[in-house]
Amino acid sequence: TAASSGGDALIGKVAALELNENLGDDVSSLTADLKTSNKELQGRVDDLTRELSNSRAERQQELQEKESLAHRLTALLDALPGGVLVLDQRHTIKLANPVAIELLGEPLLNMDFLSVIGECAASVSRDGSQVLLRSGRRISISNQLQDGYGDQVVLITDVTETFEAQQERSRTERLSALGEMIARLAHQIRTPLASSLLYLGAVDRPSLDTKGRAEITGKIRGRLQHMESLSNDSLRFVK
């Protein structure tokens, strides 16, 4: 019995020893696995951190480029020789460059475009493309441009000098035509006038009888009527 008990105890010790060895192996394996997983996880975290940092840097660069582009566009609008307005879908003015402000006056931003034109316009052409301002300036309006956001871009051009030049050119052309007409009229009047003077000289001849005098008087009357007709035609042309 004692031997049997001793044997069982020995077997128990051997089993416990084997169990401890197995547990030690499992712990060591688990520890190694945990270290490997932790290393992989740390590597992934490092990768994600770098990606996030790169994404932030790219986003910052993109924002800086957009801001720089916005500044360039603003400077370009300010430097344009014509006026530029940006209207939303309700025709409210959202943006105006300095030339537009100079031509239309202030305030402009957040104002209704049609109301602004109505306030500063002395007259508007039939097609609405040209407006004579109360200031005396004449502007041309083009509002056919649309941007990608549903807004409307209105271009305003000061055509005062161009209009005045056209008026002066038209006046010069009319004066030139009038001068040509006067020269032509003078040439056409000269012939019947010269004939009338010759006939008047013949009327004073003592040898001229009554019949001859009546004939010459009729010719003089005809020449005078011809000159009157030329004068009337010239007056109608001038009118």
Protein backbone atom coordinates (compact mmCIF):
# COMPACT_ATOMS: atom_id res chain seq x y z
CA THR A 1 0.00 0.00 0.00
CA ALA A 2 2.84 2.33 0.91
CA ALA A 3 4.60 1.46 -2.31
CA SER A 4 1.45 2.07 -4.19
CA SER A 5 0.97 5.44 -2.57
CA GLY A 6 4.55 6.40 -3.32
CA GLY A 7 4.08 5.43 -6.93
CA ASP A 8 0.97 7.54 -7.27
CA ALA A 9 2.75 10.50 -5.75
CA LEU A 10 5.61 10.11 -8.15
CA ILE A 11 3.25 9.88 -11.06
CA GLY A 12 1.49 13.04 -9.82
CA LYS A 13 4.75 14.91 -9.59
CA VAL A 14 5.73 13.83 -13.08
CA ALA A 15 2.34 14.92 -14.41
CA ALA A 16 2.58 18.25 -12.61
CA LEU A 17 6.07 18.77 -13.99
CA GLU A 18 4.90 18.03 -17.52
CA LEU A 19 1.94 20.39 -17.03
CA ASN A 20 4.24 23.15 -15.83
CA GLU A 21 6.51 22.62 -18.79
CA ASN A 22 3.57 22.72 -21.18
CA LEU A 23 2.23 25.86 -19.53
CA GLY A 24 5.65 27.44 -19.73
CA ASP A 25 5.84 26.61 -23.42
CA ASP A 26 2.33 28.02 -23.97
CA VAL A 27 3.13 31.22 -22.09
CA SER A 28 6.37 31.65 -24.00
CA SER A 29 4.54 31.06 -27.29
CA LEU A 30 1.74 33.44 -26.28
CA THR A 31 4.28 36.06 -25.21
CA ALA A 32 6.09 35.75 -28.54
CA ASP A 33 2.80 36.00 -30.40
CA LEU A 34 1.84 39.06 -28.39
CA LYS A 35 5.17 40.67 -29.09
CA THR A 36 4.79 39.95 -32.81
CA SER A 37 1.21 41.26 -32.84
CA ASN A 38 2.25 44.33 -30.87
CA LYS A 39 5.09 44.98 -33.29
CA GLU A 40 2.77 44.58 -36.28
CA LEU A 41 0.18 46.80 -34.63
CA GLN A 42 2.79 49.43 -33.85
CA GLY A 43 3.97 49.28 -37.46
CA ARG A 44 0.41 49.73 -38.68
CA VAL A 45 -0.09 52.64 -36.30
CA ASP A 46 3.11 54.20 -37.59
CA ASP A 47 1.93 53.71 -41.17
CA LEU A 48 -1.47 55.24 -40.41
CA THR A 49 0.21 58.15 -38.64
CA ARG A 50 2.42 58.82 -41.63
CA GLU A 51 -0.56 58.55 -44.02
CA LEU A 52 -2.56 60.94 -41.85
CA SER A 53 0.36 63.35 -41.70
CA ASN A 54 0.81 63.18 -45.48
CA SER A 55 -2.93 63.64 -46.01
CA ARG A 56 -2.90 66.70 -43.73
CA ALA A 57 0.10 68.11 -45.56
CA GLU A 58 -1.58 67.55 -48.94
CA ARG A 59 -4.80 69.10 -47.67
CA GLN A 60 -2.90 72.09 -46.33
CA GLN A 61 -1.08 72.46 -49.64
CA GLU A 62 -4.39 72.26 -51.52
CA LEU A 63 -5.94 74.90 -49.28
CA GLN A 64 -2.93 77.16 -49.77
CA GLU A 65 -3.11 76.72 -53.55
CA LYS A 66 -6.84 77.51 -53.53
CA GLU A 67 -6.25 80.56 -51.38
CA SER A 68 -3.47 81.71 -53.68
CA LEU A 69 -5.73 81.17 -56.71
CA ALA A 70 -8.51 83.15 -55.02
CA HIS A 71 -6.08 86.02 -54.37
CA ARG A 72 -4.93 85.96 -58.00
CA LEU A 73 -8.50 85.93 -59.28
CA THR A 74 -9.40 88.83 -56.98
CA ALA A 75 -6.38 90.79 -58.18
CA LEU A 76 -7.33 89.99 -61.79
CA LEU A 77 -10.90 91.21 -61.26
CA ASP A 78 -9.62 94.39 -59.64
CA ALA A 79 -7.26 95.02 -62.55
CA LEU A 80 -9.85 94.52 -65.29
CA PRO A 81 -10.72 97.70 -67.22
CA GLY A 82 -14.42 96.77 -67.19
CA GLY A 83 -16.93 96.20 -64.44
CA VAL A 84 -17.72 92.69 -63.20
CA LEU A 85 -20.70 91.66 -61.09
CA VAL A 86 -21.59 88.19 -59.81
CA LEU A 87 -25.29 87.60 -59.23
CA ASP A 88 -26.96 84.66 -57.54
CA GLN A 89 -30.08 83.00 -58.91
CA ARG A 90 -32.23 85.74 -57.36
CA HIS A 91 -30.22 88.49 -59.13
CA THR A 92 -28.66 89.58 -55.84
CA ILE A 93 -25.17 91.07 -56.26
CA LYS A 94 -22.66 88.86 -54.44
CA LEU A 95 -19.45 90.33 -55.83
CA ALA A 96 -18.46 93.61 -57.49
CA ASN A 97 -15.04 94.78 -58.66
CA PRO A 98 -13.84 98.41 -58.24
CA VAL A 99 -14.77 99.46 -61.80
CA ALA A 100 -18.37 98.29 -61.30
CA ILE A 101 -18.52 100.21 -58.02
CA GLU A 102 -17.12 103.32 -59.70
CA LEU A 103 -19.69 103.18 -62.51
CA LEU A 104 -22.79 102.18 -60.53
CA GLY A 105 -21.95 103.65 -57.14
CA GLU A 106 -22.43 102.15 -53.71
CA PRO A 107 -23.89 100.14 -52.09
CA LEU A 108 -23.83 97.18 -54.46
CA LEU A 109 -23.24 94.04 -52.42
CA ASN A 110 -26.40 92.15 -51.42
CA MET A 111 -28.49 94.57 -53.53
CA ASP A 112 -30.92 93.56 -56.27
CA PHE A 113 -29.24 94.13 -59.63
CA LEU A 114 -32.37 95.35 -61.43
CA SER A 115 -33.10 97.80 -58.61
CA VAL A 116 -29.56 99.17 -58.80
CA ILE A 117 -29.87 99.71 -62.57
CA GLY A 118 -33.26 101.35 -62.09
CA GLU A 119 -31.81 103.77 -59.53
CA CYS A 120 -28.75 104.87 -61.51
CA ALA A 121 -30.13 104.74 -65.09
CA ALA A 122 -31.39 107.82 -66.91
CA SER A 123 -32.49 105.75 -69.91
CA VAL A 124 -32.17 102.20 -71.22
CA SER A 125 -31.94 101.06 -74.83
CA ARG A 126 -34.79 98.96 -76.23
CA ASP A 127 -32.82 95.74 -76.08
CA GLY A 128 -31.49 96.57 -72.62
CA SER A 129 -27.87 96.22 -73.72
CA GLN A 130 -26.93 99.88 -73.19
CA VAL A 131 -27.74 102.15 -70.28
CA LEU A 132 -27.28 105.90 -70.03
CA LEU A 133 -26.42 106.60 -66.39
CA ARG A 134 -27.52 109.68 -64.48
CA SER A 135 -23.83 110.55 -64.21
CA GLY A 136 -23.73 110.97 -67.99
CA ARG A 137 -21.70 107.84 -68.59
CA ARG A 138 -22.98 105.23 -71.04
CA ILE A 139 -22.44 101.54 -70.28
CA SER A 140 -22.92 98.30 -72.15
CA ILE A 141 -24.24 95.31 -70.18
CA SER A 142 -23.64 91.67 -71.05
CA ASN A 143 -25.11 89.05 -68.70
CA GLN A 144 -24.99 85.85 -70.71
CA LEU A 145 -22.16 84.21 -68.75
CA GLN A 146 -22.90 81.46 -66.20
CA ASP A 147 -20.40 79.96 -63.77
CA GLY A 148 -20.46 76.40 -62.49
CA TYR A 149 -22.40 77.26 -59.32
CA GLY A 150 -25.56 78.65 -60.91
CA ASP A 151 -24.44 82.26 -60.48
CA GLN A 152 -24.53 84.83 -63.26
CA VAL A 153 -21.54 86.92 -64.30
CA VAL A 154 -22.45 90.40 -65.58
CA LEU A 155 -19.89 92.35 -67.61
CA ILE A 156 -20.18 96.14 -67.63
CA THR A 157 -18.25 98.14 -70.22
CA ASP A 158 -17.94 101.92 -70.29
CA VAL A 159 -18.76 102.80 -73.91
CA THR A 160 -19.07 106.56 -73.40
CA GLU A 161 -16.04 107.46 -75.49
CA THR A 162 -16.93 104.88 -78.15
CA PHE A 163 -20.49 106.21 -78.39
CA GLU A 164 -19.29 109.81 -78.57
CA ALA A 165 -16.78 108.84 -81.26
CA GLN A 166 -19.55 107.14 -83.25
CA GLN A 167 -21.77 110.20 -82.86
CA GLU A 168 -18.94 112.48 -83.99
CA ARG A 169 -18.19 110.21 -86.96
CA SER A 170 -21.87 110.18 -87.91
CA ARG A 171 -22.03 113.96 -87.60
CA THR A 172 -18.91 114.29 -89.74
CA GLU A 173 -20.40 112.00 -92.36
CA ARG A 174 -23.60 114.05 -92.41
CA LEU A 175 -21.65 117.29 -92.73
CA SER A 176 -19.56 115.77 -95.50
CA ALA A 177 -22.71 114.67 -97.33
CA LEU A 178 -24.18 118.13 -96.82
CA GLY A 179 -21.04 119.76 -98.21
CA GLU A 180 -21.11 117.51 -101.25
CA MET A 181 -24.78 118.33 -101.75
CA ILE A 182 -24.11 122.08 -101.53
CA ALA A 183 -21.27 121.81 -104.03
CA ARG A 184 -23.49 119.82 -106.37
CA LEU A 185 -26.31 122.31 -105.90
CA ALA A 186 -24.02 125.26 -106.62
CA HIS A 187 -22.87 123.56 -109.80
CA GLN A 188 -26.46 122.86 -110.89
CA ILE A 189 -27.61 126.41 -110.11
CA ARG A 190 -24.71 128.04 -111.93
CA THR A 191 -25.93 127.05 -115.41
CA PRO A 192 -29.52 128.39 -115.18
CA LEU A 193 -28.26 131.45 -113.30
CA ALA A 194 -25.77 132.27 -116.03
CA SER A 195 -28.47 131.79 -118.65
CA SER A 196 -30.83 134.07 -116.73
CA LEU A 197 -28.20 136.82 -116.56
CA LEU A 198 -27.60 136.56 -120.30
CA TYR A 199 -31.32 136.78 -121.03
CA LEU A 200 -31.65 139.78 -118.70
CA GLY A 201 -28.93 141.53 -120.68
CA ALA A 202 -30.82 140.85 -123.91
CA VAL A 203 -34.05 142.31 -122.53
CA ASP A 204 -32.49 145.80 -122.36
CA ARG A 205 -31.67 145.86 -126.09
CA PRO A 206 -33.62 148.75 -127.80
CA SER A 207 -34.15 146.73 -130.95
CA LEU A 208 -36.01 143.95 -129.08
CA ASP A 209 -39.74 143.97 -129.89
CA THR A 210 -42.56 142.97 -127.55
CA LYS A 211 -42.73 139.39 -128.79
CA GLY A 212 -38.99 138.89 -128.39
CA ARG A 213 -39.05 140.44 -124.93
CA ALA A 214 -41.91 138.12 -123.86
CA GLU A 215 -40.00 135.11 -125.20
CA ILE A 216 -36.87 136.05 -123.27
CA THR A 217 -38.91 136.76 -120.14
CA GLY A 218 -40.46 133.30 -120.38
CA LYS A 219 -37.00 131.72 -120.63
CA ILE A 220 -35.83 133.70 -117.60
CA ARG A 221 -38.92 132.51 -115.68
CA GLY A 222 -38.18 128.93 -116.64
CA ARG A 223 -34.59 129.19 -115.40
CA LEU A 224 -35.75 130.75 -112.12
CA GLN A 225 -38.35 128.00 -111.62
CA HIS A 226 -35.63 125.41 -112.25
CA MET A 227 -33.43 126.99 -109.57
CA GLU A 228 -36.40 127.06 -107.17
CA SER A 229 -36.96 123.34 -107.78
CA LEU A 230 -33.29 122.63 -107.02
CA SER A 231 -33.53 124.65 -103.82
CA ASN A 232 -36.66 122.77 -102.68
CA ASP A 233 -35.04 119.42 -103.39
CA SER A 234 -31.97 120.48 -101.38
CA LEU A 235 -34.11 121.57 -98.44
CA ARG A 236 -35.91 118.20 -98.42
CA PHE A 237 -32.56 116.42 -98.46
CA VAL A 238 -31.24 118.46 -95.52
CA LYS A 239 -34.46 117.84 -93.58
